[in-house]
Amino acid sequence: MKTNDDQIKEKLVHRLKRIEGQVRGVQTMVNEDRQCREILQQLTAIRSAVMSVSTVVLENYMTDCLLNLDDKSVQERQELMDDMIKLINKAS
């Protein structure tokens, strides 16, 4: 990931570590035969956290691409736009 803001990168890594802990927690819950409702609640929280991280990464990517459009050809710009649209659709 290209970013000029080390603080954003640090926050993303922190969030990802938290998500990793949540996933390990769900594995433990499954092994302990916890109720499906509890497991689903945790999985919903994990999905929300992953979406939040995805949004920040996508915003960073889009900002980087948009700030560097001047040195791109029309075809390269179109390819970037197509790529961004695909990523947005996958993220939602």
PDB file of N, CA and C in Angstrom:
ATOM      1  N   MET A   1       0.850  -1.178   0.000  1.00  0.00           N
ATOM      2  CA  MET A   1       0.000   0.000   0.000  1.00  0.00           C
ATOM      3  C   MET A   1       0.887   1.230   0.000  1.00  0.00           C
ATOM      4  N   LYS A   2       0.610   2.120  -0.925  1.00  0.00           N
ATOM      5  CA  LYS A   2       1.348   3.377  -0.968  1.00  0.00           C
ATOM      6  C   LYS A   2       0.589   4.403  -0.143  1.00  0.00           C
ATOM      7  N   THR A   3       1.261   4.958   0.814  1.00  0.00           N
ATOM      8  CA  THR A   3       0.654   6.045   1.576  1.00  0.00           C
ATOM      9  C   THR A   3       1.753   6.959   2.095  1.00  0.00           C
ATOM     10  N   ASN A   4       1.469   8.233   2.065  1.00  0.00           N
ATOM     11  CA  ASN A   4       2.413   9.207   2.601  1.00  0.00           C
ATOM     12  C   ASN A   4       2.128   9.462   4.067  1.00  0.00           C
ATOM     13  N   ASP A   5       1.032   8.935   4.543  1.00  0.00           N
ATOM     14  CA  ASP A   5       0.636   9.208   5.905  1.00  0.00           C
ATOM     15  C   ASP A   5       0.865   7.972   6.768  1.00  0.00           C
ATOM     16  N   ASP A   6       1.961   7.980   7.504  1.00  0.00           N
ATOM     17  CA  ASP A   6       2.298   6.838   8.361  1.00  0.00           C
ATOM     18  C   ASP A   6       1.252   6.614   9.450  1.00  0.00           C
ATOM     19  N   GLN A   7       0.575   7.678   9.848  1.00  0.00           N
ATOM     20  CA  GLN A   7      -0.455   7.552  10.879  1.00  0.00           C
ATOM     21  C   GLN A   7      -1.631   6.712  10.358  1.00  0.00           C
ATOM     22  N   ILE A   8      -2.020   6.903   9.110  1.00  0.00           N
ATOM     23  CA  ILE A   8      -3.094   6.103   8.515  1.00  0.00           C
ATOM     24  C   ILE A   8      -2.669   4.642   8.453  1.00  0.00           C
ATOM     25  N   LYS A   9      -1.450   4.419   8.013  1.00  0.00           N
ATOM     26  CA  LYS A   9      -0.930   3.054   7.913  1.00  0.00           C
ATOM     27  C   LYS A   9      -0.918   2.384   9.285  1.00  0.00           C
ATOM     28  N   GLU A  10      -0.484   3.103  10.286  1.00  0.00           N
ATOM     29  CA  GLU A  10      -0.435   2.566  11.649  1.00  0.00           C
ATOM     30  C   GLU A  10      -1.840   2.204  12.148  1.00  0.00           C
ATOM     31  N   LYS A  11      -2.811   3.061  11.876  1.00  0.00           N
ATOM     32  CA  LYS A  11      -4.186   2.783  12.287  1.00  0.00           C
ATOM     33  C   LYS A  11      -4.744   1.561  11.565  1.00  0.00           C
ATOM     34  N   LEU A  12      -4.417   1.429  10.269  1.00  0.00           N
ATOM     35  CA  LEU A  12      -4.880   0.270   9.513  1.00  0.00           C
ATOM     36  C   LEU A  12      -4.301  -1.021  10.072  1.00  0.00           C
ATOM     37  N   VAL A  13      -3.012  -1.009  10.365  1.00  0.00           N
ATOM     38  CA  VAL A  13      -2.375  -2.202  10.921  1.00  0.00           C
ATOM     39  C   VAL A  13      -3.008  -2.551  12.269  1.00  0.00           C
ATOM     40  N   HIS A  14      -3.280  -1.544  13.075  1.00  0.00           N
ATOM     41  CA  HIS A  14      -3.929  -1.772  14.377  1.00  0.00           C
ATOM     42  C   HIS A  14      -5.311  -2.400  14.187  1.00  0.00           C
ATOM     43  N   ARG A  15      -6.085  -1.862  13.257  1.00  0.00           N
ATOM     44  CA  ARG A  15      -7.422  -2.414  12.983  1.00  0.00           C
ATOM     45  C   ARG A  15      -7.333  -3.854  12.494  1.00  0.00           C
ATOM     46  N   LEU A  16      -6.372  -4.127  11.614  1.00  0.00           N
ATOM     47  CA  LEU A  16      -6.211  -5.485  11.086  1.00  0.00           C
ATOM     48  C   LEU A  16      -5.823  -6.472  12.182  1.00  0.00           C
ATOM     49  N   LYS A  17      -4.991  -6.046  13.105  1.00  0.00           N
ATOM     50  CA  LYS A  17      -4.630  -6.914  14.232  1.00  0.00           C
ATOM     51  C   LYS A  17      -5.847  -7.190  15.106  1.00  0.00           C
ATOM     52  N   ARG A  18      -6.691  -6.178  15.279  1.00  0.00           N
ATOM     53  CA  ARG A  18      -7.909  -6.368  16.061  1.00  0.00           C
ATOM     54  C   ARG A  18      -8.839  -7.353  15.368  1.00  0.00           C
ATOM     55  N   ILE A  19      -8.955  -7.219  14.047  1.00  0.00           N
ATOM     56  CA  ILE A  19      -9.783  -8.149  13.269  1.00  0.00           C
ATOM     57  C   ILE A  19      -9.227  -9.570  13.404  1.00  0.00           C
ATOM     58  N   GLU A  20      -7.923  -9.692  13.328  1.00  0.00           N
ATOM     59  CA  GLU A  20      -7.278 -11.003  13.478  1.00  0.00           C
ATOM     60  C   GLU A  20      -7.650 -11.621  14.833  1.00  0.00           C
ATOM     61  N   GLY A  21      -7.637 -10.815  15.870  1.00  0.00           N
ATOM     62  CA  GLY A  21      -8.029 -11.289  17.199  1.00  0.00           C
ATOM     63  C   GLY A  21      -9.492 -11.705  17.247  1.00  0.00           C
ATOM     64  N   GLN A  22     -10.344 -10.941  16.563  1.00  0.00           N
ATOM     65  CA  GLN A  22     -11.759 -11.293  16.526  1.00  0.00           C
ATOM     66  C   GLN A  22     -11.972 -12.631  15.824  1.00  0.00           C
ATOM     67  N   VAL A  23     -11.246 -12.864  14.739  1.00  0.00           N
ATOM     68  CA  VAL A  23     -11.374 -14.130  14.004  1.00  0.00           C
ATOM     69  C   VAL A  23     -10.912 -15.288  14.886  1.00  0.00           C
ATOM     70  N   ARG A  24      -9.810 -15.107  15.589  1.00  0.00           N
ATOM     71  CA  ARG A  24      -9.353 -16.163  16.505  1.00  0.00           C
ATOM     72  C   ARG A  24     -10.398 -16.416  17.594  1.00  0.00           C
ATOM     73  N   GLY A  25     -11.033 -15.350  18.036  1.00  0.00           N
ATOM     74  CA  GLY A  25     -12.090 -15.490  19.036  1.00  0.00           C
ATOM     75  C   GLY A  25     -13.258 -16.310  18.522  1.00  0.00           C
ATOM     76  N   VAL A  26     -13.630 -16.102  17.269  1.00  0.00           N
ATOM     77  CA  VAL A  26     -14.726 -16.878  16.669  1.00  0.00           C
ATOM     78  C   VAL A  26     -14.318 -18.347  16.549  1.00  0.00           C
ATOM     79  N   GLN A  27     -13.059 -18.595  16.184  1.00  0.00           N
ATOM     80  CA  GLN A  27     -12.584 -19.979  16.122  1.00  0.00           C
ATOM     81  C   GLN A  27     -12.729 -20.656  17.486  1.00  0.00           C
ATOM     82  N   THR A  28     -12.385 -19.938  18.525  1.00  0.00           N
ATOM     83  CA  THR A  28     -12.529 -20.469  19.881  1.00  0.00           C
ATOM     84  C   THR A  28     -13.993 -20.728  20.199  1.00  0.00           C
ATOM     85  N   MET A  29     -14.853 -19.796  19.811  1.00  0.00           N
ATOM     86  CA  MET A  29     -16.289 -19.955  20.063  1.00  0.00           C
ATOM     87  C   MET A  29     -16.825 -21.208  19.373  1.00  0.00           C
ATOM     88  N   VAL A  30     -16.388 -21.443  18.134  1.00  0.00           N
ATOM     89  CA  VAL A  30     -16.829 -22.631  17.392  1.00  0.00           C
ATOM     90  C   VAL A  30     -16.341 -23.886  18.109  1.00  0.00           C
ATOM     91  N   ASN A  31     -15.074 -23.894  18.524  1.00  0.00           N
ATOM     92  CA  ASN A  31     -14.521 -25.048  19.225  1.00  0.00           C
ATOM     93  C   ASN A  31     -15.219 -25.309  20.552  1.00  0.00           C
ATOM     94  N   GLU A  32     -15.721 -24.262  21.168  1.00  0.00           N
ATOM     95  CA  GLU A  32     -16.422 -24.387  22.454  1.00  0.00           C
ATOM     96  C   GLU A  32     -17.914 -24.646  22.277  1.00  0.00           C
ATOM     97  N   ASP A  33     -18.349 -24.823  21.019  1.00  0.00           N
ATOM     98  CA  ASP A  33     -19.766 -25.063  20.720  1.00  0.00           C
ATOM     99  C   ASP A  33     -20.682 -23.977  21.268  1.00  0.00           C
ATOM    100  N   ARG A  34     -20.251 -22.731  21.111  1.00  0.00           N
ATOM    101  CA  ARG A  34     -21.081 -21.603  21.544  1.00  0.00           C
ATOM    102  C   ARG A  34     -22.291 -21.491  20.636  1.00  0.00           C
ATOM    103  N   GLN A  35     -23.280 -20.747  21.077  1.00  0.00           N
ATOM    104  CA  GLN A  35     -24.518 -20.613  20.321  1.00  0.00           C
ATOM    105  C   GLN A  35     -24.276 -19.875  19.003  1.00  0.00           C
ATOM    106  N   CYS A  36     -25.025 -20.316  17.996  1.00  0.00           N
ATOM    107  CA  CYS A  36     -24.893 -19.730  16.657  1.00  0.00           C
ATOM    108  C   CYS A  36     -25.137 -18.224  16.677  1.00  0.00           C
ATOM    109  N   ARG A  37     -26.080 -17.781  17.485  1.00  0.00           N
ATOM    110  CA  ARG A  37     -26.399 -16.350  17.551  1.00  0.00           C
ATOM    111  C   ARG A  37     -25.171 -15.536  17.967  1.00  0.00           C
ATOM    112  N   GLU A  38     -24.458 -16.016  18.969  1.00  0.00           N
ATOM    113  CA  GLU A  38     -23.258 -15.326  19.450  1.00  0.00           C
ATOM    114  C   GLU A  38     -22.183 -15.293  18.359  1.00  0.00           C
ATOM    115  N   ILE A  39     -22.007 -16.426  17.697  1.00  0.00           N
ATOM    116  CA  ILE A  39     -21.006 -16.516  16.635  1.00  0.00           C
ATOM    117  C   ILE A  39     -21.361 -15.576  15.492  1.00  0.00           C
ATOM    118  N   LEU A  40     -22.627 -15.546  15.113  1.00  0.00           N
ATOM    119  CA  LEU A  40     -23.063 -14.659  14.028  1.00  0.00           C
ATOM    120  C   LEU A  40     -22.873 -13.192  14.390  1.00  0.00           C
ATOM    121  N   GLN A  41     -23.110 -12.855  15.655  1.00  0.00           N
ATOM    122  CA  GLN A  41     -22.883 -11.467  16.087  1.00  0.00           C
ATOM    123  C   GLN A  41     -21.416 -11.085  15.890  1.00  0.00           C
ATOM    124  N   GLN A  42     -20.525 -11.973  16.260  1.00  0.00           N
ATOM    125  CA  GLN A  42     -19.103 -11.697  16.098  1.00  0.00           C
ATOM    126  C   GLN A  42     -18.707 -11.624  14.628  1.00  0.00           C
ATOM    127  N   LEU A  43     -19.270 -12.511  13.810  1.00  0.00           N
ATOM    128  CA  LEU A  43     -18.970 -12.485  12.379  1.00  0.00           C
ATOM    129  C   LEU A  43     -19.465 -11.194  11.738  1.00  0.00           C
ATOM    130  N   THR A  44     -20.601 -10.699  12.198  1.00  0.00           N
ATOM    131  CA  THR A  44     -21.123  -9.428  11.699  1.00  0.00           C
ATOM    132  C   THR A  44     -20.187  -8.278  12.078  1.00  0.00           C
ATOM    133  N   ALA A  45     -19.680  -8.318  13.287  1.00  0.00           N
ATOM    134  CA  ALA A  45     -18.727  -7.290  13.727  1.00  0.00           C
ATOM    135  C   ALA A  45     -17.439  -7.353  12.902  1.00  0.00           C
ATOM    136  N   ILE A  46     -16.982  -8.565  12.601  1.00  0.00           N
ATOM    137  CA  ILE A  46     -15.777  -8.736  11.787  1.00  0.00           C
ATOM    138  C   ILE A  46     -16.007  -8.183  10.382  1.00  0.00           C
ATOM    139  N   ARG A  47     -17.158  -8.516   9.799  1.00  0.00           N
ATOM    140  CA  ARG A  47     -17.459  -8.016   8.449  1.00  0.00           C
ATOM    141  C   ARG A  47     -17.477  -6.491   8.433  1.00  0.00           C
ATOM    142  N   SER A  48     -18.075  -5.897   9.444  1.00  0.00           N
ATOM    143  CA  SER A  48     -18.126  -4.435   9.525  1.00  0.00           C
ATOM    144  C   SER A  48     -16.720  -3.842   9.645  1.00  0.00           C
ATOM    145  N   ALA A  49     -15.889  -4.464  10.451  1.00  0.00           N
ATOM    146  CA  ALA A  49     -14.521  -3.974  10.630  1.00  0.00           C
ATOM    147  C   ALA A  49     -13.721  -4.102   9.332  1.00  0.00           C
ATOM    148  N   VAL A  50     -13.890  -5.207   8.619  1.00  0.00           N
ATOM    149  CA  VAL A  50     -13.187  -5.400   7.348  1.00  0.00           C
ATOM    150  C   VAL A  50     -13.658  -4.358   6.329  1.00  0.00           C
ATOM    151  N   MET A  51     -14.948  -4.088   6.296  1.00  0.00           N
ATOM    152  CA  MET A  51     -15.476  -3.076   5.376  1.00  0.00           C
ATOM    153  C   MET A  51     -14.894  -1.702   5.694  1.00  0.00           C
ATOM    154  N   SER A  52     -14.736  -1.408   6.957  1.00  0.00           N
ATOM    155  CA  SER A  52     -14.167  -0.124   7.365  1.00  0.00           C
ATOM    156  C   SER A  52     -12.723   0.009   6.882  1.00  0.00           C
ATOM    157  N   VAL A  53     -11.941  -1.038   7.057  1.00  0.00           N
ATOM    158  CA  VAL A  53     -10.555  -1.028   6.580  1.00  0.00           C
ATOM    159  C   VAL A  53     -10.528  -0.926   5.059  1.00  0.00           C
ATOM    160  N   SER A  54     -11.401  -1.673   4.388  1.00  0.00           N
ATOM    161  CA  SER A  54     -11.467  -1.641   2.927  1.00  0.00           C
ATOM    162  C   SER A  54     -11.765  -0.238   2.421  1.00  0.00           C
ATOM    163  N   THR A  55     -12.643   0.454   3.090  1.00  0.00           N
ATOM    164  CA  THR A  55     -13.011   1.809   2.695  1.00  0.00           C
ATOM    165  C   THR A  55     -11.809   2.751   2.787  1.00  0.00           C
ATOM    166  N   VAL A  56     -11.066   2.651   3.869  1.00  0.00           N
ATOM    167  CA  VAL A  56      -9.892   3.510   4.034  1.00  0.00           C
ATOM    168  C   VAL A  56      -8.857   3.223   2.949  1.00  0.00           C
ATOM    169  N   VAL A  57      -8.615   1.933   2.659  1.00  0.00           N
ATOM    170  CA  VAL A  57      -7.637   1.566   1.631  1.00  0.00           C
ATOM    171  C   VAL A  57      -8.107   2.050   0.259  1.00  0.00           C
ATOM    172  N   LEU A  58      -9.394   1.871  -0.032  1.00  0.00           N
ATOM    173  CA  LEU A  58      -9.945   2.312  -1.307  1.00  0.00           C
ATOM    174  C   LEU A  58      -9.849   3.833  -1.449  1.00  0.00           C
ATOM    175  N   GLU A  59     -10.165   4.552  -0.399  1.00  0.00           N
ATOM    176  CA  GLU A  59     -10.049   6.011  -0.430  1.00  0.00           C
ATOM    177  C   GLU A  59      -8.609   6.434  -0.708  1.00  0.00           C
ATOM    178  N   ASN A  60      -7.670   5.758  -0.060  1.00  0.00           N
ATOM    179  CA  ASN A  60      -6.255   6.080  -0.262  1.00  0.00           C
ATOM    180  C   ASN A  60      -5.857   5.818  -1.706  1.00  0.00           C
ATOM    181  N   TYR A  61      -6.282   4.691  -2.245  1.00  0.00           N
ATOM    182  CA  TYR A  61      -5.979   4.330  -3.635  1.00  0.00           C
ATOM    183  C   TYR A  61      -6.567   5.354  -4.599  1.00  0.00           C
ATOM    184  N   MET A  62      -7.829   5.713  -4.363  1.00  0.00           N
ATOM    185  CA  MET A  62      -8.494   6.663  -5.253  1.00  0.00           C
ATOM    186  C   MET A  62      -7.823   8.032  -5.187  1.00  0.00           C
ATOM    187  N   THR A  63      -7.487   8.466  -4.006  1.00  0.00           N
ATOM    188  CA  THR A  63      -6.833   9.763  -3.848  1.00  0.00           C
ATOM    189  C   THR A  63      -5.492   9.774  -4.561  1.00  0.00           C
ATOM    190  N   ASP A  64      -4.718   8.708  -4.373  1.00  0.00           N
ATOM    191  CA  ASP A  64      -3.416   8.617  -5.030  1.00  0.00           C
ATOM    192  C   ASP A  64      -3.573   8.651  -6.547  1.00  0.00           C
ATOM    193  N   CYS A  65      -4.528   7.903  -7.062  1.00  0.00           N
ATOM    194  CA  CYS A  65      -4.752   7.865  -8.516  1.00  0.00           C
ATOM    195  C   CYS A  65      -5.213   9.218  -9.045  1.00  0.00           C
ATOM    196  N   LEU A  66      -6.141   9.840  -8.346  1.00  0.00           N
ATOM    197  CA  LEU A  66      -6.687  11.106  -8.825  1.00  0.00           C
ATOM    198  C   LEU A  66      -5.667  12.238  -8.771  1.00  0.00           C
ATOM    199  N   LEU A  67      -4.784  12.184  -7.813  1.00  0.00           N
ATOM    200  CA  LEU A  67      -3.773  13.234  -7.710  1.00  0.00           C
ATOM    201  C   LEU A  67      -2.695  13.102  -8.774  1.00  0.00           C
ATOM    202  N   ASN A  68      -2.579  11.930  -9.368  1.00  0.00           N
ATOM    203  CA  ASN A  68      -1.531  11.696 -10.352  1.00  0.00           C
ATOM    204  C   ASN A  68      -2.087  11.494 -11.765  1.00  0.00           C
ATOM    205  N   LEU A  69      -3.224  12.089 -12.052  1.00  0.00           N
ATOM    206  CA  LEU A  69      -3.839  11.914 -13.365  1.00  0.00           C
ATOM    207  C   LEU A  69      -3.126  12.685 -14.475  1.00  0.00           C
ATOM    208  N   ASP A  70      -2.475  13.767 -14.132  1.00  0.00           N
ATOM    209  CA  ASP A  70      -1.847  14.618 -15.152  1.00  0.00           C
ATOM    210  C   ASP A  70      -0.816  13.886 -15.997  1.00  0.00           C
ATOM    211  N   ASP A  71      -0.151  12.924 -15.401  1.00  0.00           N
ATOM    212  CA  ASP A  71       0.888  12.215 -16.144  1.00  0.00           C
ATOM    213  C   ASP A  71       0.371  10.947 -16.822  1.00  0.00           C
ATOM    214  N   LYS A  72      -0.963  10.796 -16.901  1.00  0.00           N
ATOM    215  CA  LYS A  72      -1.575   9.613 -17.507  1.00  0.00           C
ATOM    216  C   LYS A  72      -2.220   9.962 -18.847  1.00  0.00           C
ATOM    217  N   SER A  73      -2.192   9.007 -19.758  1.00  0.00           N
ATOM    218  CA  SER A  73      -2.893   9.172 -21.037  1.00  0.00           C
ATOM    219  C   SER A  73      -4.391   8.974 -20.821  1.00  0.00           C
ATOM    220  N   VAL A  74      -5.176   9.292 -21.816  1.00  0.00           N
ATOM    221  CA  VAL A  74      -6.627   9.112 -21.733  1.00  0.00           C
ATOM    222  C   VAL A  74      -6.955   7.638 -21.498  1.00  0.00           C
ATOM    223  N   GLN A  75      -6.263   6.760 -22.187  1.00  0.00           N
ATOM    224  CA  GLN A  75      -6.511   5.321 -22.029  1.00  0.00           C
ATOM    225  C   GLN A  75      -6.163   4.874 -20.603  1.00  0.00           C
ATOM    226  N   GLU A  76      -5.045   5.342 -20.070  1.00  0.00           N
ATOM    227  CA  GLU A  76      -4.659   4.982 -18.704  1.00  0.00           C
ATOM    228  C   GLU A  76      -5.676   5.511 -17.693  1.00  0.00           C
ATOM    229  N   ARG A  77      -6.178   6.709 -17.931  1.00  0.00           N
ATOM    230  CA  ARG A  77      -7.204   7.273 -17.042  1.00  0.00           C
ATOM    231  C   ARG A  77      -8.460   6.425 -17.062  1.00  0.00           C
ATOM    232  N   GLN A  78      -8.869   5.998 -18.246  1.00  0.00           N
ATOM    233  CA  GLN A  78     -10.060   5.165 -18.376  1.00  0.00           C
ATOM    234  C   GLN A  78      -9.861   3.829 -17.656  1.00  0.00           C
ATOM    235  N   GLU A  79      -8.675   3.253 -17.806  1.00  0.00           N
ATOM    236  CA  GLU A  79      -8.379   1.987 -17.135  1.00  0.00           C
ATOM    237  C   GLU A  79      -8.418   2.154 -15.614  1.00  0.00           C
ATOM    238  N   LEU A  80      -7.901   3.269 -15.116  1.00  0.00           N
ATOM    239  CA  LEU A  80      -7.965   3.542 -13.684  1.00  0.00           C
ATOM    240  C   LEU A  80      -9.402   3.678 -13.210  1.00  0.00           C
ATOM    241  N   MET A  81     -10.207   4.392 -13.974  1.00  0.00           N
ATOM    242  CA  MET A  81     -11.616   4.555 -13.617  1.00  0.00           C
ATOM    243  C   MET A  81     -12.331   3.208 -13.601  1.00  0.00           C
ATOM    244  N   ASP A  82     -12.088   2.398 -14.625  1.00  0.00           N
ATOM    245  CA  ASP A  82     -12.693   1.066 -14.677  1.00  0.00           C
ATOM    246  C   ASP A  82     -12.276   0.229 -13.471  1.00  0.00           C
ATOM    247  N   ASP A  83     -10.999   0.302 -13.125  1.00  0.00           N
ATOM    248  CA  ASP A  83     -10.491  -0.445 -11.984  1.00  0.00           C
ATOM    249  C   ASP A  83     -11.143   0.029 -10.691  1.00  0.00           C
ATOM    250  N   MET A  84     -11.259   1.341 -10.525  1.00  0.00           N
ATOM    251  CA  MET A  84     -11.888   1.888  -9.325  1.00  0.00           C
ATOM    252  C   MET A  84     -13.342   1.443  -9.207  1.00  0.00           C
ATOM    253  N   ILE A  85     -14.057   1.482 -10.303  1.00  0.00           N
ATOM    254  CA  ILE A  85     -15.463   1.062 -10.297  1.00  0.00           C
ATOM    255  C   ILE A  85     -15.578  -0.404  -9.903  1.00  0.00           C
ATOM    256  N   LYS A  86     -14.718  -1.245 -10.459  1.00  0.00           N
ATOM    257  CA  LYS A  86     -14.730  -2.663 -10.096  1.00  0.00           C
ATOM    258  C   LYS A  86     -14.452  -2.844  -8.599  1.00  0.00           C
ATOM    259  N   LEU A  87     -13.467  -2.114  -8.093  1.00  0.00           N
ATOM    260  CA  LEU A  87     -13.135  -2.231  -6.668  1.00  0.00           C
ATOM    261  C   LEU A  87     -14.278  -1.749  -5.785  1.00  0.00           C
ATOM    262  N   ILE A  88     -14.919  -0.680  -6.162  1.00  0.00           N
ATOM    263  CA  ILE A  88     -16.053  -0.165  -5.390  1.00  0.00           C
ATOM    264  C   ILE A  88     -17.188  -1.193  -5.379  1.00  0.00           C
ATOM    265  N   ASN A  89     -17.458  -1.781  -6.525  1.00  0.00           N
ATOM    266  CA  ASN A  89     -18.521  -2.787  -6.598  1.00  0.00           C
ATOM    267  C   ASN A  89     -18.194  -4.015  -5.749  1.00  0.00           C
ATOM    268  N   LYS A  90     -16.948  -4.434  -5.739  1.00  0.00           N
ATOM    269  CA  LYS A  90     -16.549  -5.588  -4.927  1.00  0.00           C
ATOM    270  C   LYS A  90     -16.623  -5.276  -3.450  1.00  0.00           C
ATOM    271  N   ALA A  91     -16.313  -4.028  -3.102  1.00  0.00           N
ATOM    272  CA  ALA A  91     -16.280  -3.640  -1.685  1.00  0.00           C
ATOM    273  C   ALA A  91     -17.669  -3.477  -1.092  1.00  0.00           C
ATOM    274  N   SER A  92     -18.669  -3.314  -1.943  1.00  0.00           N
ATOM    275  CA  SER A  92     -20.013  -3.087  -1.383  1.00  0.00           C
ATOM    276  C   SER A  92     -20.836  -4.329  -1.293  1.00  0.00           C
TER     277      SER A  92
END
